[in-house]
Amino acid sequence: MKYKNSWTCFLLILAGIVLGGFIGSMFPGSFLSFGETFGLTSPVILDLGILTITFALTIKITIASILGIILGIIIYRIL
């Protein structure tokens, strides 16, 4: 039985998300770019006087990203 590293799975899924997002942005009119964006659209600012921290997070999930995740999991299972 092979030893499977969870970091390998995480990196393959992350690569699938990035590649899927890139492919989705290359074809803006196709079904691959269909998706939803959610998160903090306006930044949250924490001002401590001498230190200011700005935090914002937005996630865009598209059909191409989901297909990239599935492809990453399939590659992980094959390895």
PDB file of N, CA and C in Angstrom:
ATOM      1  N   MET A   1       0.839  -1.187   0.000  1.00  0.00           N
ATOM      2  CA  MET A   1       0.000   0.000   0.000  1.00  0.00           C
ATOM      3  C   MET A   1       0.880   1.245   0.000  1.00  0.00           C
ATOM      4  N   LYS A   2       0.548   2.206  -0.834  1.00  0.00           N
ATOM      5  CA  LYS A   2       1.313   3.436  -0.933  1.00  0.00           C
ATOM      6  C   LYS A   2       0.958   4.385   0.199  1.00  0.00           C
ATOM      7  N   TYR A   3       1.946   5.144   0.633  1.00  0.00           N
ATOM      8  CA  TYR A   3       1.708   6.203   1.607  1.00  0.00           C
ATOM      9  C   TYR A   3       1.319   7.470   0.854  1.00  0.00           C
ATOM     10  N   LYS A   4       0.185   8.049   1.180  1.00  0.00           N
ATOM     11  CA  LYS A   4      -0.278   9.264   0.509  1.00  0.00           C
ATOM     12  C   LYS A   4      -0.147  10.446   1.462  1.00  0.00           C
ATOM     13  N   ASN A   5       0.512  11.458   0.979  1.00  0.00           N
ATOM     14  CA  ASN A   5       0.756  12.652   1.755  1.00  0.00           C
ATOM     15  C   ASN A   5      -0.412  13.626   1.576  1.00  0.00           C
ATOM     16  N   SER A   6      -0.927  14.176   2.673  1.00  0.00           N
ATOM     17  CA  SER A   6      -2.050  15.104   2.573  1.00  0.00           C
ATOM     18  C   SER A   6      -1.620  16.439   1.964  1.00  0.00           C
ATOM     19  N   TRP A   7      -0.345  16.804   2.090  1.00  0.00           N
ATOM     20  CA  TRP A   7       0.141  18.031   1.469  1.00  0.00           C
ATOM     21  C   TRP A   7       0.095  17.917  -0.048  1.00  0.00           C
ATOM     22  N   THR A   8       0.350  16.737  -0.561  1.00  0.00           N
ATOM     23  CA  THR A   8       0.272  16.526  -2.007  1.00  0.00           C
ATOM     24  C   THR A   8      -1.150  16.752  -2.496  1.00  0.00           C
ATOM     25  N   CYS A   9      -2.116  16.224  -1.759  1.00  0.00           N
ATOM     26  CA  CYS A   9      -3.524  16.418  -2.113  1.00  0.00           C
ATOM     27  C   CYS A   9      -3.889  17.897  -2.064  1.00  0.00           C
ATOM     28  N   PHE A  10      -3.460  18.586  -1.013  1.00  0.00           N
ATOM     29  CA  PHE A  10      -3.749  20.014  -0.873  1.00  0.00           C
ATOM     30  C   PHE A  10      -3.151  20.812  -2.026  1.00  0.00           C
ATOM     31  N   LEU A  11      -1.897  20.528  -2.380  1.00  0.00           N
ATOM     32  CA  LEU A  11      -1.245  21.266  -3.459  1.00  0.00           C
ATOM     33  C   LEU A  11      -1.883  20.972  -4.818  1.00  0.00           C
ATOM     34  N   LEU A  12      -2.308  19.732  -5.049  1.00  0.00           N
ATOM     35  CA  LEU A  12      -2.981  19.409  -6.305  1.00  0.00           C
ATOM     36  C   LEU A  12      -4.341  20.100  -6.404  1.00  0.00           C
ATOM     37  N   ILE A  13      -5.064  20.157  -5.314  1.00  0.00           N
ATOM     38  CA  ILE A  13      -6.351  20.848  -5.304  1.00  0.00           C
ATOM     39  C   ILE A  13      -6.137  22.347  -5.513  1.00  0.00           C
ATOM     40  N   LEU A  14      -5.129  22.911  -4.856  1.00  0.00           N
ATOM     41  CA  LEU A  14      -4.830  24.327  -5.022  1.00  0.00           C
ATOM     42  C   LEU A  14      -4.412  24.641  -6.457  1.00  0.00           C
ATOM     43  N   ALA A  15      -3.609  23.765  -7.048  1.00  0.00           N
ATOM     44  CA  ALA A  15      -3.221  23.952  -8.452  1.00  0.00           C
ATOM     45  C   ALA A  15      -4.444  23.855  -9.359  1.00  0.00           C
ATOM     46  N   GLY A  16      -5.375  22.951  -9.051  1.00  0.00           N
ATOM     47  CA  GLY A  16      -6.605  22.842  -9.828  1.00  0.00           C
ATOM     48  C   GLY A  16      -7.456  24.093  -9.738  1.00  0.00           C
ATOM     49  N   ILE A  17      -7.519  24.693  -8.556  1.00  0.00           N
ATOM     50  CA  ILE A  17      -8.281  25.934  -8.384  1.00  0.00           C
ATOM     51  C   ILE A  17      -7.662  27.061  -9.202  1.00  0.00           C
ATOM     52  N   VAL A  18      -6.332  27.179  -9.124  1.00  0.00           N
ATOM     53  CA  VAL A  18      -5.640  28.252  -9.844  1.00  0.00           C
ATOM     54  C   VAL A  18      -5.773  28.066 -11.354  1.00  0.00           C
ATOM     55  N   LEU A  19      -5.521  26.854 -11.846  1.00  0.00           N
ATOM     56  CA  LEU A  19      -5.639  26.602 -13.283  1.00  0.00           C
ATOM     57  C   LEU A  19      -7.080  26.762 -13.767  1.00  0.00           C
ATOM     58  N   GLY A  20      -8.031  26.294 -12.969  1.00  0.00           N
ATOM     59  CA  GLY A  20      -9.436  26.458 -13.333  1.00  0.00           C
ATOM     60  C   GLY A  20      -9.840  27.921 -13.378  1.00  0.00           C
ATOM     61  N   GLY A  21      -9.369  28.711 -12.417  1.00  0.00           N
ATOM     62  CA  GLY A  21      -9.648  30.145 -12.432  1.00  0.00           C
ATOM     63  C   GLY A  21      -9.031  30.833 -13.632  1.00  0.00           C
ATOM     64  N   PHE A  22      -7.825  30.409 -13.993  1.00  0.00           N
ATOM     65  CA  PHE A  22      -7.157  30.978 -15.168  1.00  0.00           C
ATOM     66  C   PHE A  22      -7.927  30.629 -16.444  1.00  0.00           C
ATOM     67  N   ILE A  23      -8.338  29.379 -16.577  1.00  0.00           N
ATOM     68  CA  ILE A  23      -9.097  28.958 -17.763  1.00  0.00           C
ATOM     69  C   ILE A  23     -10.444  29.674 -17.816  1.00  0.00           C
ATOM     70  N   GLY A  24     -11.092  29.824 -16.651  1.00  0.00           N
ATOM     71  CA  GLY A  24     -12.361  30.545 -16.611  1.00  0.00           C
ATOM     72  C   GLY A  24     -12.224  31.995 -17.016  1.00  0.00           C
ATOM     73  N   SER A  25     -11.098  32.632 -16.670  1.00  0.00           N
ATOM     74  CA  SER A  25     -10.894  34.029 -17.067  1.00  0.00           C
ATOM     75  C   SER A  25     -10.495  34.158 -18.537  1.00  0.00           C
ATOM     76  N   MET A  26      -9.964  33.090 -19.121  1.00  0.00           N
ATOM     77  CA  MET A  26      -9.620  33.135 -20.545  1.00  0.00           C
ATOM     78  C   MET A  26     -10.856  33.083 -21.436  1.00  0.00           C
ATOM     79  N   PHE A  27     -11.930  32.469 -20.956  1.00  0.00           N
ATOM     80  CA  PHE A  27     -13.170  32.345 -21.723  1.00  0.00           C
ATOM     81  C   PHE A  27     -14.308  33.019 -20.960  1.00  0.00           C
ATOM     82  N   PRO A  28     -14.354  34.353 -20.961  1.00  0.00           N
ATOM     83  CA  PRO A  28     -15.335  35.054 -20.127  1.00  0.00           C
ATOM     84  C   PRO A  28     -16.785  34.864 -20.534  1.00  0.00           C
ATOM     85  N   GLY A  29     -17.056  34.503 -21.778  1.00  0.00           N
ATOM     86  CA  GLY A  29     -18.443  34.360 -22.206  1.00  0.00           C
ATOM     87  C   GLY A  29     -18.971  32.942 -22.119  1.00  0.00           C
ATOM     88  N   SER A  30     -18.123  31.988 -21.754  1.00  0.00           N
ATOM     89  CA  SER A  30     -18.542  30.590 -21.757  1.00  0.00           C
ATOM     90  C   SER A  30     -19.111  30.180 -20.405  1.00  0.00           C
ATOM     91  N   PHE A  31     -19.614  28.964 -20.340  1.00  0.00           N
ATOM     92  CA  PHE A  31     -20.181  28.448 -19.097  1.00  0.00           C
ATOM     93  C   PHE A  31     -19.091  28.210 -18.048  1.00  0.00           C
ATOM     94  N   LEU A  32     -17.830  28.118 -18.459  1.00  0.00           N
ATOM     95  CA  LEU A  32     -16.737  27.877 -17.519  1.00  0.00           C
ATOM     96  C   LEU A  32     -16.511  29.056 -16.578  1.00  0.00           C
ATOM     97  N   SER A  33     -16.851  30.249 -17.020  1.00  0.00           N
ATOM     98  CA  SER A  33     -16.645  31.432 -16.187  1.00  0.00           C
ATOM     99  C   SER A  33     -17.846  31.744 -15.292  1.00  0.00           C
ATOM    100  N   PHE A  34     -18.897  30.948 -15.389  1.00  0.00           N
ATOM    101  CA  PHE A  34     -20.081  31.170 -14.553  1.00  0.00           C
ATOM    102  C   PHE A  34     -19.744  30.810 -13.112  1.00  0.00           C
ATOM    103  N   GLY A  35     -20.055  31.700 -12.189  1.00  0.00           N
ATOM    104  CA  GLY A  35     -19.771  31.413 -10.790  1.00  0.00           C
ATOM    105  C   GLY A  35     -20.275  32.507  -9.882  1.00  0.00           C
ATOM    106  N   GLU A  36     -19.807  32.469  -8.659  1.00  0.00           N
ATOM    107  CA  GLU A  36     -20.257  33.389  -7.627  1.00  0.00           C
ATOM    108  C   GLU A  36     -19.048  33.905  -6.856  1.00  0.00           C
ATOM    109  N   THR A  37     -19.114  35.172  -6.455  1.00  0.00           N
ATOM    110  CA  THR A  37     -18.077  35.785  -5.636  1.00  0.00           C
ATOM    111  C   THR A  37     -18.666  36.111  -4.274  1.00  0.00           C
ATOM    112  N   PHE A  38     -17.923  35.753  -3.226  1.00  0.00           N
ATOM    113  CA  PHE A  38     -18.388  36.077  -1.883  1.00  0.00           C
ATOM    114  C   PHE A  38     -17.193  36.399  -0.995  1.00  0.00           C
ATOM    115  N   GLY A  39     -17.464  37.065   0.102  1.00  0.00           N
ATOM    116  CA  GLY A  39     -16.414  37.447   1.041  1.00  0.00           C
ATOM    117  C   GLY A  39     -16.613  38.863   1.538  1.00  0.00           C
ATOM    118  N   LEU A  40     -15.538  39.442   2.047  1.00  0.00           N
ATOM    119  CA  LEU A  40     -15.556  40.818   2.524  1.00  0.00           C
ATOM    120  C   LEU A  40     -15.171  41.734   1.367  1.00  0.00           C
ATOM    121  N   THR A  41     -16.154  42.427   0.803  1.00  0.00           N
ATOM    122  CA  THR A  41     -15.859  43.280  -0.354  1.00  0.00           C
ATOM    123  C   THR A  41     -15.228  44.598   0.071  1.00  0.00           C
ATOM    124  N   SER A  42     -15.628  45.140   1.201  1.00  0.00           N
ATOM    125  CA  SER A  42     -14.969  46.338   1.703  1.00  0.00           C
ATOM    126  C   SER A  42     -14.004  45.918   2.818  1.00  0.00           C
ATOM    127  N   PRO A  43     -12.805  46.473   2.826  1.00  0.00           N
ATOM    128  CA  PRO A  43     -11.807  46.024   3.799  1.00  0.00           C
ATOM    129  C   PRO A  43     -12.167  46.389   5.237  1.00  0.00           C
ATOM    130  N   VAL A  44     -11.758  45.539   6.154  1.00  0.00           N
ATOM    131  CA  VAL A  44     -11.907  45.781   7.584  1.00  0.00           C
ATOM    132  C   VAL A  44     -10.585  46.381   8.058  1.00  0.00           C
ATOM    133  N   ILE A  45     -10.641  47.533   8.694  1.00  0.00           N
ATOM    134  CA  ILE A  45      -9.434  48.240   9.114  1.00  0.00           C
ATOM    135  C   ILE A  45      -9.369  48.270  10.632  1.00  0.00           C
ATOM    136  N   LEU A  46      -8.233  47.831  11.160  1.00  0.00           N
ATOM    137  CA  LEU A  46      -7.969  47.883  12.595  1.00  0.00           C
ATOM    138  C   LEU A  46      -6.839  48.878  12.811  1.00  0.00           C
ATOM    139  N   ASP A  47      -7.174  50.031  13.389  1.00  0.00           N
ATOM    140  CA  ASP A  47      -6.180  51.088  13.610  1.00  0.00           C
ATOM    141  C   ASP A  47      -5.813  51.107  15.088  1.00  0.00           C
ATOM    142  N   LEU A  48      -4.548  50.775  15.374  1.00  0.00           N
ATOM    143  CA  LEU A  48      -4.062  50.727  16.752  1.00  0.00           C
ATOM    144  C   LEU A  48      -3.166  51.909  17.101  1.00  0.00           C
ATOM    145  N   GLY A  49      -3.198  52.944  16.311  1.00  0.00           N
ATOM    146  CA  GLY A  49      -2.377  54.117  16.578  1.00  0.00           C
ATOM    147  C   GLY A  49      -1.052  54.050  15.843  1.00  0.00           C
ATOM    148  N   ILE A  50      -0.174  53.142  16.252  1.00  0.00           N
ATOM    149  CA  ILE A  50       1.119  53.012  15.586  1.00  0.00           C
ATOM    150  C   ILE A  50       1.114  51.917  14.526  1.00  0.00           C
ATOM    151  N   LEU A  51       0.043  51.121  14.518  1.00  0.00           N
ATOM    152  CA  LEU A  51      -0.061  50.004  13.579  1.00  0.00           C
ATOM    153  C   LEU A  51      -1.475  49.962  13.010  1.00  0.00           C
ATOM    154  N   THR A  52      -1.559  49.894  11.696  1.00  0.00           N
ATOM    155  CA  THR A  52      -2.855  49.778  11.030  1.00  0.00           C
ATOM    156  C   THR A  52      -2.870  48.480  10.238  1.00  0.00           C
ATOM    157  N   ILE A  53      -3.881  47.665  10.488  1.00  0.00           N
ATOM    158  CA  ILE A  53      -4.031  46.386   9.803  1.00  0.00           C
ATOM    159  C   ILE A  53      -5.295  46.450   8.952  1.00  0.00           C
ATOM    160  N   THR A  54      -5.142  46.122   7.675  1.00  0.00           N
ATOM    161  CA  THR A  54      -6.268  46.092   6.745  1.00  0.00           C
ATOM    162  C   THR A  54      -6.476  44.658   6.296  1.00  0.00           C
ATOM    163  N   PHE A  55      -7.724  44.184   6.377  1.00  0.00           N
ATOM    164  CA  PHE A  55      -8.031  42.809   6.032  1.00  0.00           C
ATOM    165  C   PHE A  55      -9.222  42.774   5.082  1.00  0.00           C
ATOM    166  N   ALA A  56      -9.048  42.062   3.967  1.00  0.00           N
ATOM    167  CA  ALA A  56     -10.139  41.844   3.017  1.00  0.00           C
ATOM    168  C   ALA A  56      -9.940  40.476   2.375  1.00  0.00           C
ATOM    169  N   LEU A  57     -11.007  39.765   2.163  1.00  0.00           N
ATOM    170  CA  LEU A  57     -10.932  38.435   1.566  1.00  0.00           C
ATOM    171  C   LEU A  57     -12.124  38.248   0.640  1.00  0.00           C
ATOM    172  N   THR A  58     -11.845  37.911  -0.611  1.00  0.00           N
ATOM    173  CA  THR A  58     -12.882  37.641  -1.590  1.00  0.00           C
ATOM    174  C   THR A  58     -12.549  36.339  -2.292  1.00  0.00           C
ATOM    175  N   ILE A  59     -13.523  35.457  -2.407  1.00  0.00           N
ATOM    176  CA  ILE A  59     -13.342  34.161  -3.061  1.00  0.00           C
ATOM    177  C   ILE A  59     -14.306  34.092  -4.241  1.00  0.00           C
ATOM    178  N   LYS A  60     -13.763  33.716  -5.403  1.00  0.00           N
ATOM    179  CA  LYS A  60     -14.600  33.559  -6.594  1.00  0.00           C
ATOM    180  C   LYS A  60     -14.561  32.097  -7.011  1.00  0.00           C
ATOM    181  N   ILE A  61     -15.693  31.448  -6.939  1.00  0.00           N
ATOM    182  CA  ILE A  61     -15.833  30.048  -7.333  1.00  0.00           C
ATOM    183  C   ILE A  61     -16.508  30.007  -8.694  1.00  0.00           C
ATOM    184  N   THR A  62     -15.857  29.349  -9.673  1.00  0.00           N
ATOM    185  CA  THR A  62     -16.430  29.202 -11.001  1.00  0.00           C
ATOM    186  C   THR A  62     -16.542  27.721 -11.350  1.00  0.00           C
ATOM    187  N   ILE A  63     -17.237  27.442 -12.426  1.00  0.00           N
ATOM    188  CA  ILE A  63     -17.360  26.064 -12.909  1.00  0.00           C
ATOM    189  C   ILE A  63     -15.979  25.501 -13.242  1.00  0.00           C
ATOM    190  N   ALA A  64     -15.124  26.324 -13.849  1.00  0.00           N
ATOM    191  CA  ALA A  64     -13.776  25.875 -14.202  1.00  0.00           C
ATOM    192  C   ALA A  64     -12.966  25.548 -12.948  1.00  0.00           C
ATOM    193  N   SER A  65     -13.133  26.313 -11.872  1.00  0.00           N
ATOM    194  CA  SER A  65     -12.433  26.021 -10.620  1.00  0.00           C
ATOM    195  C   SER A  65     -12.898  24.703 -10.020  1.00  0.00           C
ATOM    196  N   ILE A  66     -14.189  24.447 -10.069  1.00  0.00           N
ATOM    197  CA  ILE A  66     -14.726  23.189  -9.550  1.00  0.00           C
ATOM    198  C   ILE A  66     -14.196  22.013 -10.362  1.00  0.00           C
ATOM    199  N   LEU A  67     -14.155  22.180 -11.686  1.00  0.00           N
ATOM    200  CA  LEU A  67     -13.581  21.121 -12.532  1.00  0.00           C
ATOM    201  C   LEU A  67     -12.095  20.916 -12.230  1.00  0.00           C
ATOM    202  N   GLY A  68     -11.375  22.000 -11.922  1.00  0.00           N
ATOM    203  CA  GLY A  68      -9.975  21.892 -11.548  1.00  0.00           C
ATOM    204  C   GLY A  68      -9.780  21.153 -10.240  1.00  0.00           C
ATOM    205  N   ILE A  69     -10.677  21.375  -9.268  1.00  0.00           N
ATOM    206  CA  ILE A  69     -10.626  20.648  -7.997  1.00  0.00           C
ATOM    207  C   ILE A  69     -10.844  19.163  -8.236  1.00  0.00           C
ATOM    208  N   ILE A  70     -11.848  18.832  -9.043  1.00  0.00           N
ATOM    209  CA  ILE A  70     -12.136  17.428  -9.342  1.00  0.00           C
ATOM    210  C   ILE A  70     -10.954  16.777 -10.047  1.00  0.00           C
ATOM    211  N   LEU A  71     -10.344  17.492 -10.992  1.00  0.00           N
ATOM    212  CA  LEU A  71      -9.180  16.960 -11.694  1.00  0.00           C
ATOM    213  C   LEU A  71      -8.000  16.753 -10.742  1.00  0.00           C
ATOM    214  N   GLY A  72      -7.794  17.675  -9.807  1.00  0.00           N
ATOM    215  CA  GLY A  72      -6.730  17.520  -8.818  1.00  0.00           C
ATOM    216  C   GLY A  72      -6.935  16.308  -7.936  1.00  0.00           C
ATOM    217  N   ILE A  73      -8.179  16.050  -7.532  1.00  0.00           N
ATOM    218  CA  ILE A  73      -8.477  14.876  -6.706  1.00  0.00           C
ATOM    219  C   ILE A  73      -8.270  13.598  -7.506  1.00  0.00           C
ATOM    220  N   ILE A  74      -8.669  13.597  -8.769  1.00  0.00           N
ATOM    221  CA  ILE A  74      -8.471  12.414  -9.617  1.00  0.00           C
ATOM    222  C   ILE A  74      -6.979  12.132  -9.787  1.00  0.00           C
ATOM    223  N   ILE A  75      -6.183  13.172 -10.022  1.00  0.00           N
ATOM    224  CA  ILE A  75      -4.736  12.973 -10.163  1.00  0.00           C
ATOM    225  C   ILE A  75      -4.142  12.452  -8.870  1.00  0.00           C
ATOM    226  N   TYR A  76      -4.603  12.964  -7.730  1.00  0.00           N
ATOM    227  CA  TYR A  76      -4.123  12.509  -6.425  1.00  0.00           C
ATOM    228  C   TYR A  76      -4.424  11.021  -6.221  1.00  0.00           C
ATOM    229  N   ARG A  77      -5.620  10.591  -6.612  1.00  0.00           N
ATOM    230  CA  ARG A  77      -5.985   9.179  -6.447  1.00  0.00           C
ATOM    231  C   ARG A  77      -5.163   8.275  -7.353  1.00  0.00           C
ATOM    232  N   ILE A  78      -4.816   8.769  -8.551  1.00  0.00           N
ATOM    233  CA  ILE A  78      -4.002   7.976  -9.469  1.00  0.00           C
ATOM    234  C   ILE A  78      -2.577   7.830  -8.936  1.00  0.00           C
ATOM    235  N   LEU A  79      -2.041   8.912  -8.362  1.00  0.00           N
ATOM    236  CA  LEU A  79      -0.685   8.856  -7.813  1.00  0.00           C
ATOM    237  C   LEU A  79      -0.710   7.953  -6.613  1.00  0.00           C
TER     238      LEU A  79
END
